[in-house]
Every structure is written in structure tokens, then in C-alpha cells.
Amino acid sequence: MVKEALVTQADNFVDRPPSPMGDRLYSGNGIFLSNGYRWKKQRRFALTTLRNFGLGKKSLESVICEESRFLQEEIEREQGNPFDPHLLLNNSVSNIICFMVFGHRFDYSDHNFQILLKLLFETVQLDSSIWAQLYEAFPTVMKYLPGPHNDIFSHYQEISDFVRGELEKHKEDRDPSSPRDYIDSFLAEIENNTHDPEAGFEETNLILCALDLFLAGTETTSTTLRWALVYMMKYPDIQEKVQAEIDQVIGQSRQPTMADRANMPYTDAVIHEVQRMGNIVPLNALRMANKDTTLGGYFIPKGTSVLTNLTSVMFDKTMWETPDTFNPGHFLDSDGKFMKRDAFLPFSAGKRVCLGEQLAKMELFLFFIFIFQKFSFSPPQGVEISLEAKFGTTLTPVPFKICATPR
């Protein structure tokens, strides 16, 4: 049913439904919540531009590996003492999308950037809180009431101001003949598309599109890496097998590359199983029927909101041998070779499939390999690792601390 909605009937369910909160924040702009012609133009532009700046190329691999070394230094500073890896991972992952959108990374000691990442995390938590749900249901009343829902709008404003600051810097020193990043490329499109206002190439939309890339490019991959740490500490025998494969294929000193993935089926299977069990977008984002249609034998009138439950796919008892157990064998055939699975849809599917899927896969593989090549991770003494999740816009592990031992 999920595949029928997202793939077979892709055109019928490609749009997002109206959302009072989304409409107030985006007014039909951005990439994630826009529809129709504007969405097509912005999505295509974002994909093309991200490819121009390294998506799927070796040049981006070296950026991720360099960032991994900064991450390694930060972990080493903890000297084996318990620490919460959350903001550190957010910082590392965010720096990759910052490199592509803003043209540079941010230092781990940059106070303003740390505040921004904190706002980002709080926004993601608030977005799916009861306060946000009340705003969606009763916007005309909630607009005038005090409460945490108002923090969502003030946080978005602060993050937007940060992006605007980056935009103003770009306008001062850009060379139109040599774009450095997404912002430079968008500024060029603004000049080239004055005849087509519907395409959405104007400064307000630039900020909102950059905001979308920044939000999506930070929280999802960082959360998946946190789940990876949780599962590897919960199952130290699996962590040891991963490290044995890393030592055999890459060794202790060489940097990993995406070319290594083909020779590391077990590690690849573990990363996929982390994504399946982590299930960080359990209910996917809402879609809307843009015409009367039939789905699974049911009549769906035009304008109906449709929610594709990805949890039902990732834990389908007819598709997975042990759906509720962490089992890398789900992705290995009888010869131990990596095996793709149809019921693996962490990035959704169809025309709105996650824009950053390729980037996320590259980041997950390289960051994961790098940190387990350099460290062994364990919980603080006497602490039992919890597999409980906290529900926000993404499904995140409950806060935890780790001890990192250099290998």
C-alpha cells in the first residue's frame, strides 16, 4: 500500500496538505512544504546544485573524512570519560551540509553555531509536541495564546537570521562567474529568472530553501549515528565484528572511501540494520491526494491527507525474519554478501524521496567507519544501555553518555 501510494500513484500523492504552522513559517515556499511548479523547480535546482558541489563525488568524500578527523580530536579530548555525543555528532554532520550550502564549516568552539544547533534540536522536538498539534488544530486561537508553540516561530526566526547573515556575506564577495556553493548558485538563478516569478527564485525563498537543507541535512544523519552508537554498545559482539572487518579491509591508518563499501558487506549490513531499527521517520511526512483516486480498494477524495506508515514497512513480519530484533543478517545472503531489501524505505520513496539520500548514505558510511576504526565505545560503568526512543520530528534515542577508548 505504501509503495502504491508513493511510487505507483506518485503523481496523485505528490503534494503536501495545507498546514497552519507550515503556512505561517513558509507561505508555500522552501523545498519540503512547497507544491506544484515551484516545488519541482526548487527540488531540481537543489539536486543539481548539490551534485555540482560534490554529491556522489570523491571531492565530498575528502570533506567528510577531514571532518571525521576534527570529530576524532574532540572525542580524544574526553580522555575516555563519559560524555554525551549528541551535539558533537550534530556539529560534524551539520558541517557537511554547511560546506555545500554556505561554502565553509564551523569550528566546534564557535559559540553562535553551538547556539544554532541547540535551537535546531529544540525546534525538531517542539515540532511534534502537543503544543504544535494544538496549533495545527486551532490556529486562530493558539496564535494569541502563550505557550511553547511560540518558541517554534522564534527559533525559526533566529535560524533564518543566521542564514540571512550568511547570504549578506555572500553578496559582498561573490564572483558571479564562479559560484562557490548553494547560496552563490541561487543568487545567480535569481538574476536569470526574473521572467519566471512562479519558480520561486527570490531572496526570501533562498533563505527558506537553505533552511530546509540545513535542518534536514543535520538532524536525520546525526540521529542515525547516535542510534548506531546505542546499538553497538548494546551489542559489543557486533561492534567487534565490524571492527574486525574494518581492520581487514582498511586497516588502522588509511582513510575509508566509498569504494571500500563493496568489500565490507557485514559493516554495510549493520548500518542498514541501524537505519531499519532506528526508524527515525516512523510515520513519514504527510501527503495529499491531488485528485479523486482509489488506494487499496478505498476511495480517496481529492484533498484527503494521507500518512504512509513507514514503521509498518520496516517491521513487517512477512518481510523480515526477526523484525523486532537487531539482526544484520537481514541484509546478508547465505554467502555473507550484502543483499538489498524491498521493505527498506528509511528515505521514503517516489518523487518526494529524501533529497539528501545519496549524501546521507555517504556520511553514514564514512563517519561510522571512521569512528569505529579509531575507537571502541562502551557505556559508563554500571549503566545499562536503553533502546527507548524519544519522539520528536524524528525518533531519537533517549539522552545517553558514552566512553570512547582509542584502539
Protein backbone atom coordinates (compact mmCIF):
# COMPACT_ATOMS: atom_id res chain seq x y z
CA MET A 1 0.00 0.00 0.00
CA VAL A 2 2.83 2.41 0.89
CA LYS A 3 4.58 1.66 -2.42
CA GLU A 4 1.33 2.01 -4.34
CA ALA A 5 0.79 5.49 -2.87
CA LEU A 6 4.37 6.73 -3.17
CA VAL A 7 5.56 5.02 -6.36
CA THR A 8 2.72 3.56 -8.47
CA GLN A 9 0.42 6.55 -7.87
CA ALA A 10 3.27 9.02 -7.35
CA ASP A 11 1.58 11.86 -9.28
CA ASN A 12 -1.66 11.54 -7.31
CA PHE A 13 0.04 11.81 -3.90
CA VAL A 14 2.99 14.10 -4.61
CA ASP A 15 1.59 17.19 -2.85
CA ARG A 16 1.77 18.24 0.80
CA PRO A 17 -1.51 19.13 2.54
CA PRO A 18 -2.02 22.62 4.00
CA SER A 19 -0.60 23.11 7.50
CA PRO A 20 -1.34 26.22 9.61
CA MET A 21 2.12 26.12 11.17
CA GLY A 22 3.87 25.35 7.86
CA ASP A 23 1.89 28.07 6.09
CA ARG A 24 2.87 30.64 8.74
CA LEU A 25 6.55 29.67 8.56
CA TYR A 26 6.93 29.06 4.82
CA SER A 27 3.93 30.57 2.97
CA GLY A 28 4.22 27.90 0.25
CA ASN A 29 7.98 28.39 -0.12
CA GLY A 30 11.01 26.21 0.68
CA ILE A 31 11.58 22.71 -0.69
CA PHE A 32 9.89 20.46 1.85
CA LEU A 33 6.43 22.09 2.08
CA SER A 34 6.06 23.67 -1.37
CA ASN A 35 3.91 22.11 -4.10
CA GLY A 36 3.44 22.16 -7.86
CA TYR A 37 5.67 24.06 -10.27
CA ARG A 38 7.60 25.90 -7.54
CA TRP A 39 8.41 22.63 -5.74
CA LYS A 40 9.57 20.96 -8.99
CA LYS A 41 11.84 23.87 -9.90
CA GLN A 42 13.36 24.14 -6.40
CA ARG A 43 13.87 20.41 -5.91
CA ARG A 44 15.52 20.04 -9.33
CA PHE A 45 17.74 23.08 -8.68
CA ALA A 46 18.77 21.80 -5.23
CA LEU A 47 19.66 18.35 -6.57
CA THR A 48 21.67 19.75 -9.48
CA THR A 49 23.49 22.25 -7.26
CA LEU A 50 24.36 19.74 -4.55
CA ARG A 51 25.75 17.43 -7.25
CA ASN A 52 27.84 20.31 -8.59
CA PHE A 53 29.33 20.75 -5.13
CA GLY A 54 30.28 17.17 -4.56
CA LEU A 55 27.21 14.99 -4.02
CA GLY A 56 28.28 11.49 -5.07
CA LYS A 57 31.83 12.62 -5.90
CA LYS A 58 35.25 11.90 -4.41
CA SER A 59 35.73 15.58 -3.55
CA LEU A 60 32.95 15.32 -0.94
CA GLU A 61 34.44 12.11 0.47
CA SER A 62 37.58 14.04 1.40
CA VAL A 63 35.46 16.78 3.07
CA ILE A 64 33.69 14.13 5.19
CA CYS A 65 37.00 12.43 6.07
CA GLU A 66 38.53 15.77 7.08
CA GLU A 67 35.51 16.47 9.30
CA SER A 68 35.91 12.97 10.78
CA ARG A 69 39.41 13.92 11.88
CA PHE A 70 38.07 17.02 13.70
CA LEU A 71 35.49 14.74 15.33
CA GLN A 72 38.25 12.31 16.34
CA GLU A 73 40.18 15.15 18.04
CA GLU A 74 37.09 16.19 20.00
CA ILE A 75 36.42 12.61 21.14
CA GLU A 76 40.08 12.19 22.17
CA ARG A 77 39.76 15.33 24.33
CA GLU A 78 37.27 13.45 26.52
CA GLN A 79 40.12 11.07 27.53
CA GLY A 80 37.83 8.08 28.00
CA ASN A 81 35.50 9.91 30.40
CA PRO A 82 31.72 9.61 29.89
CA PHE A 83 30.26 12.27 27.56
CA ASP A 84 27.06 12.93 25.60
CA PRO A 85 27.89 12.63 21.85
CA HIS A 86 24.75 14.42 20.68
CA LEU A 87 25.96 17.96 19.95
CA LEU A 88 29.33 16.72 18.75
CA LEU A 89 27.72 14.49 16.09
CA ASN A 90 25.27 17.28 15.17
CA ASN A 91 28.22 19.61 14.65
CA SER A 92 30.15 17.15 12.46
CA VAL A 93 27.20 16.20 10.27
CA SER A 94 25.94 19.77 10.01
CA ASN A 95 29.37 20.93 8.81
CA ILE A 96 28.99 18.80 5.67
CA ILE A 97 25.74 20.45 4.59
CA CYS A 98 27.16 23.84 5.71
CA PHE A 99 30.11 23.27 3.38
CA MET A 100 27.71 22.71 0.45
CA VAL A 101 25.21 25.47 1.29
CA PHE A 102 27.39 28.16 2.92
CA GLY A 103 30.78 27.20 1.44
CA HIS A 104 32.55 26.61 4.75
CA ARG A 105 32.48 24.61 8.01
CA PHE A 106 32.12 25.93 11.57
CA ASP A 107 34.57 25.32 14.35
CA TYR A 108 33.38 23.20 17.29
CA SER A 109 34.16 26.14 19.58
CA ASP A 110 32.06 28.61 17.56
CA HIS A 111 29.61 29.81 20.23
CA ASN A 112 26.98 31.16 17.80
CA PHE A 113 26.94 27.93 15.82
CA GLN A 114 26.53 25.88 19.02
CA ILE A 115 23.53 28.03 19.97
CA LEU A 116 22.12 27.48 16.47
CA LEU A 117 22.45 23.68 16.75
CA LYS A 118 20.71 23.80 20.14
CA LEU A 119 17.84 25.82 18.64
CA LEU A 120 17.67 23.33 15.80
CA PHE A 121 17.31 20.38 18.19
CA GLU A 122 14.68 22.16 20.30
CA THR A 123 12.69 23.06 17.16
CA VAL A 124 12.67 19.43 16.00
CA GLN A 125 11.38 18.36 19.44
CA LEU A 126 8.74 21.12 19.59
CA ASP A 127 7.52 20.47 16.04
CA SER A 128 5.80 17.28 17.12
CA SER A 129 4.82 18.32 20.66
CA ILE A 130 1.22 18.56 21.83
CA TRP A 131 1.57 22.37 21.57
CA ALA A 132 2.35 22.13 17.86
CA GLN A 133 -0.59 19.73 17.38
CA LEU A 134 -2.90 22.20 19.16
CA TYR A 135 -1.65 24.98 16.86
CA GLU A 136 -2.40 22.80 13.80
CA ALA A 137 -5.93 22.12 15.11
CA PHE A 138 -6.83 25.59 16.42
CA PRO A 139 -4.51 28.12 14.74
CA THR A 140 -6.77 31.16 15.12
CA VAL A 141 -6.95 30.65 18.91
CA MET A 142 -3.38 29.39 19.51
CA LYS A 143 -1.93 32.34 17.63
CA TYR A 144 -2.90 34.58 20.54
CA LEU A 145 -2.13 32.22 23.42
CA PRO A 146 1.19 31.97 25.27
CA GLY A 147 2.97 28.61 25.30
CA PRO A 148 5.94 26.63 23.94
CA HIS A 149 4.43 26.64 20.42
CA ASN A 150 5.58 30.25 20.12
CA ASP A 151 9.18 29.10 20.60
CA ILE A 152 8.94 27.29 17.25
CA PHE A 153 8.38 30.59 15.45
CA SER A 154 11.06 32.47 17.40
CA HIS A 155 13.58 29.62 16.87
CA TYR A 156 12.84 29.59 13.12
CA GLN A 157 13.34 33.35 13.07
CA GLU A 158 16.75 33.08 14.77
CA ILE A 159 17.88 30.29 12.42
CA SER A 160 16.60 32.31 9.43
CA ASP A 161 18.52 35.37 10.66
CA PHE A 162 21.67 33.24 10.78
CA VAL A 163 21.12 32.09 7.16
CA ARG A 164 20.41 35.70 6.14
CA GLY A 165 23.74 36.73 7.69
CA GLU A 166 25.48 34.12 5.51
CA LEU A 167 23.56 35.40 2.47
CA GLU A 168 24.65 39.01 3.08
CA LYS A 169 28.32 37.91 3.34
CA HIS A 170 27.95 36.05 0.04
CA LYS A 171 26.51 39.10 -1.70
CA GLU A 172 29.55 41.16 -0.65
CA ASP A 173 32.27 38.90 -2.03
CA ARG A 174 30.76 36.61 -4.65
CA ASP A 175 32.15 36.17 -8.14
CA PRO A 176 29.12 35.54 -10.45
CA SER A 177 31.32 33.59 -12.89
CA SER A 178 32.49 31.16 -10.19
CA PRO A 179 29.80 30.04 -7.70
CA ARG A 180 31.24 28.53 -4.51
CA ASP A 181 28.14 26.90 -3.04
CA TYR A 182 24.33 26.64 -3.00
CA ILE A 183 23.83 30.29 -1.95
CA ASP A 184 26.03 31.65 -4.78
CA SER A 185 24.23 29.40 -7.28
CA PHE A 186 20.80 30.54 -6.03
CA LEU A 187 21.82 34.21 -6.33
CA ALA A 188 22.74 33.54 -9.97
CA GLU A 189 19.32 31.91 -10.53
CA ILE A 190 17.60 35.00 -9.06
CA GLU A 191 19.30 37.10 -11.78
CA ASN A 192 18.47 34.57 -14.52
CA ASN A 193 14.81 34.01 -13.59
CA THR A 194 13.34 37.49 -13.31
CA HIS A 195 10.89 36.47 -16.10
CA ASP A 196 9.55 33.49 -14.10
CA PRO A 197 8.38 34.62 -10.62
CA GLU A 198 6.46 31.36 -10.09
CA ALA A 199 9.74 29.40 -9.94
CA GLY A 200 10.47 31.00 -6.55
CA PHE A 201 13.95 32.32 -7.21
CA GLU A 202 13.97 35.27 -4.81
CA GLU A 203 15.81 36.02 -1.57
CA THR A 204 13.07 35.07 0.91
CA ASN A 205 12.80 31.66 -0.71
CA LEU A 206 16.60 31.32 -0.84
CA ILE A 207 16.67 31.60 2.97
CA LEU A 208 13.81 29.10 3.41
CA CYS A 209 15.30 26.57 0.96
CA ALA A 210 18.74 26.86 2.61
CA LEU A 211 16.98 26.45 5.97
CA ASP A 212 15.32 23.23 4.75
CA LEU A 213 18.64 21.81 3.58
CA PHE A 214 20.32 22.82 6.86
CA LEU A 215 17.51 21.34 9.02
CA ALA A 216 17.18 18.10 7.07
CA GLY A 217 20.91 17.72 6.49
CA THR A 218 21.76 17.91 10.17
CA GLU A 219 19.19 16.18 12.34
CA THR A 220 18.47 12.97 10.41
CA THR A 221 22.01 11.68 9.82
CA SER A 222 23.19 12.79 13.25
CA THR A 223 20.27 10.91 14.88
CA THR A 224 21.05 7.76 12.87
CA LEU A 225 24.69 7.90 14.02
CA ARG A 226 23.50 8.20 17.62
CA TRP A 227 21.37 5.08 17.15
CA ALA A 228 24.47 3.38 15.71
CA LEU A 229 26.39 4.13 18.92
CA VAL A 230 23.48 2.85 21.03
CA TYR A 231 23.23 -0.46 19.15
CA MET A 232 26.99 -1.02 19.02
CA MET A 233 27.25 -0.50 22.78
CA LYS A 234 24.22 -2.73 23.36
CA TYR A 235 25.73 -5.48 21.20
CA PRO A 236 29.53 -5.34 21.72
CA ASP A 237 29.99 -8.63 19.80
CA ILE A 238 28.59 -6.91 16.67
CA GLN A 239 30.86 -3.89 17.31
CA GLU A 240 33.87 -6.26 17.43
CA LYS A 241 32.86 -7.95 14.14
CA VAL A 242 32.53 -4.52 12.48
CA GLN A 243 36.00 -3.53 13.73
CA ALA A 244 37.49 -6.83 12.55
CA GLU A 245 36.14 -6.15 9.04
CA ILE A 246 37.44 -2.55 9.14
CA ASP A 247 40.91 -3.80 10.20
CA GLN A 248 40.92 -6.45 7.48
CA VAL A 249 39.77 -4.22 4.58
CA ILE A 250 41.09 -0.75 5.54
CA GLY A 251 43.47 -1.23 8.43
CA GLN A 252 44.08 1.23 11.27
CA SER A 253 45.61 4.18 9.46
CA ARG A 254 44.16 4.54 5.94
CA GLN A 255 41.10 6.76 5.49
CA PRO A 256 37.93 4.94 4.42
CA THR A 257 36.47 5.63 0.96
CA MET A 258 33.10 4.78 -0.57
CA ALA A 259 34.91 2.23 -2.77
CA ASP A 260 35.50 0.18 0.41
CA ARG A 261 31.79 -0.42 0.87
CA ALA A 262 31.68 -3.22 -1.72
CA ASN A 263 34.28 -5.14 0.29
CA MET A 264 32.58 -4.62 3.66
CA PRO A 265 29.23 -6.46 3.47
CA TYR A 266 28.91 -7.04 7.22
CA THR A 267 29.51 -3.38 8.15
CA ASP A 268 27.15 -2.26 5.36
CA ALA A 269 24.50 -4.65 6.72
CA VAL A 270 24.98 -3.27 10.26
CA ILE A 271 24.49 0.34 9.06
CA HIS A 272 21.32 -0.69 7.19
CA GLU A 273 20.00 -2.52 10.25
CA VAL A 274 20.67 0.59 12.40
CA GLN A 275 18.54 2.57 9.93
CA ARG A 276 15.79 -0.06 9.96
CA MET A 277 15.61 -0.41 13.74
CA GLY A 278 16.29 3.30 14.41
CA ASN A 279 13.32 4.04 12.11
CA ILE A 280 13.87 7.76 12.61
CA VAL A 281 10.92 8.98 10.48
CA PRO A 282 8.33 6.43 11.61
CA LEU A 283 5.24 7.98 10.01
CA ASN A 284 6.86 9.74 7.03
CA ALA A 285 5.66 13.23 6.10
CA LEU A 286 2.03 13.83 5.20
CA ARG A 287 0.91 13.68 1.58
CA MET A 288 -2.35 14.78 -0.02
CA ALA A 289 -4.45 13.33 -2.81
CA ASN A 290 -4.49 15.96 -5.54
CA LYS A 291 -7.43 14.28 -7.32
CA ASP A 292 -10.12 11.65 -6.58
CA THR A 293 -8.45 8.24 -6.63
CA THR A 294 -8.62 4.71 -5.25
CA LEU A 295 -5.96 3.25 -2.97
CA GLY A 296 -6.01 -0.36 -1.77
CA GLY A 297 -9.67 -0.62 -2.73
CA TYR A 298 -10.65 2.54 -0.81
CA PHE A 299 -11.99 5.69 -2.43
CA ILE A 300 -9.75 8.67 -1.52
CA PRO A 301 -11.37 12.03 -2.34
CA LYS A 302 -9.27 14.90 -3.64
CA GLY A 303 -7.72 16.92 -0.78
CA THR A 304 -7.52 13.98 1.65
CA SER A 305 -4.36 13.84 3.76
CA VAL A 306 -2.56 10.50 3.55
CA LEU A 307 0.01 9.23 6.03
CA THR A 308 2.32 6.44 4.82
CA ASN A 309 3.34 4.48 7.92
CA LEU A 310 6.99 3.55 7.29
CA THR A 311 7.10 1.64 10.61
CA SER A 312 4.66 -0.89 9.14
CA VAL A 313 7.16 -1.47 6.31
CA MET A 314 10.39 -1.57 8.34
CA PHE A 315 8.92 -4.02 10.88
CA ASP A 316 6.69 -6.05 8.53
CA LYS A 317 6.54 -9.62 9.90
CA THR A 318 6.08 -11.03 6.40
CA MET A 319 9.20 -9.27 5.06
CA TRP A 320 11.77 -9.58 7.89
CA GLU A 321 12.87 -12.79 9.57
CA THR A 322 13.20 -11.23 13.05
CA PRO A 323 11.55 -7.79 12.68
CA ASP A 324 11.83 -6.77 16.34
CA THR A 325 15.44 -7.89 16.85
CA PHE A 326 18.64 -6.09 15.80
CA ASN A 327 19.90 -8.53 13.20
CA PRO A 328 22.44 -7.51 10.49
CA GLY A 329 21.67 -10.88 8.86
CA HIS A 330 18.55 -9.25 7.40
CA PHE A 331 20.87 -7.70 4.80
CA LEU A 332 23.18 -10.67 4.15
CA ASP A 333 22.60 -13.63 1.83
CA SER A 334 23.68 -17.22 2.57
CA ASP A 335 27.21 -16.43 1.26
CA GLY A 336 27.58 -13.39 3.55
CA LYS A 337 27.21 -10.95 0.63
CA PHE A 338 25.21 -7.73 1.09
CA MET A 339 21.60 -8.04 -0.04
CA LYS A 340 19.16 -5.22 -0.80
CA ARG A 341 15.64 -5.48 0.64
CA ASP A 342 12.42 -4.09 -0.87
CA ALA A 343 10.99 -3.35 2.56
CA PHE A 344 13.86 -1.00 3.45
CA LEU A 345 12.45 2.52 3.00
CA PRO A 346 14.17 4.86 5.50
CA PHE A 347 14.33 7.63 2.89
CA SER A 348 10.70 7.16 1.77
CA ALA A 349 10.17 6.52 -1.97
CA GLY A 350 8.87 8.03 -5.20
CA LYS A 351 9.01 11.64 -6.35
CA ARG A 352 9.46 13.06 -2.84
CA VAL A 353 12.12 10.55 -1.83
CA CYS A 354 14.60 12.21 0.55
CA LEU A 355 16.56 14.82 -1.41
CA GLY A 356 19.72 14.06 0.57
CA GLU A 357 19.59 10.25 0.34
CA GLN A 358 22.89 9.99 -1.50
CA LEU A 359 24.58 12.44 0.88
CA ALA A 360 23.20 10.66 3.96
CA LYS A 361 24.43 7.25 2.74
CA MET A 362 27.91 8.66 2.14
CA GLU A 363 28.02 10.40 5.54
CA LEU A 364 26.69 7.36 7.43
CA PHE A 365 29.21 5.00 5.88
CA LEU A 366 32.30 7.24 6.21
CA PHE A 367 31.57 8.66 9.69
CA PHE A 368 30.57 5.20 11.00
CA ILE A 369 33.71 3.52 9.65
CA PHE A 370 35.97 6.32 10.83
CA ILE A 371 34.80 6.41 14.45
CA PHE A 372 34.82 2.61 14.87
CA GLN A 373 38.23 2.42 13.16
CA LYS A 374 39.64 4.79 15.79
CA PHE A 375 37.62 3.96 18.94
CA SER A 376 35.75 1.27 20.82
CA PHE A 377 32.61 2.53 22.52
CA SER A 378 31.06 1.36 25.77
CA PRO A 379 28.50 2.70 28.27
CA PRO A 380 29.76 4.27 31.53
CA GLN A 381 30.44 1.67 34.20
CA GLY A 382 27.28 0.25 35.75
CA VAL A 383 24.97 1.92 33.19
CA GLU A 384 22.53 -0.22 31.19
CA ILE A 385 22.05 0.99 27.61
CA SER A 386 18.41 1.82 26.83
CA LEU A 387 16.83 1.21 23.41
CA GLU A 388 13.95 3.53 24.30
CA ALA A 389 13.15 6.29 21.84
CA LYS A 390 12.05 9.88 22.27
CA PHE A 391 9.50 11.10 19.75
CA GLY A 392 10.12 14.43 18.03
CA THR A 393 10.04 15.24 14.31
CA THR A 394 12.49 12.33 14.26
CA LEU A 395 12.61 9.31 16.57
CA THR A 396 15.74 9.84 18.67
CA PRO A 397 17.45 7.76 21.36
CA VAL A 398 16.87 8.96 24.92
CA PRO A 399 19.91 11.03 26.04
CA PHE A 400 22.90 8.81 26.83
CA LYS A 401 26.60 9.02 27.63
CA ILE A 402 29.44 7.03 26.08
CA CYS A 403 33.04 6.18 26.90
CA ALA A 404 35.44 6.12 23.92
CA THR A 405 38.60 4.02 24.17
CA PRO A 406 41.24 4.65 21.46
CA ARG A 407 42.07 1.44 19.57
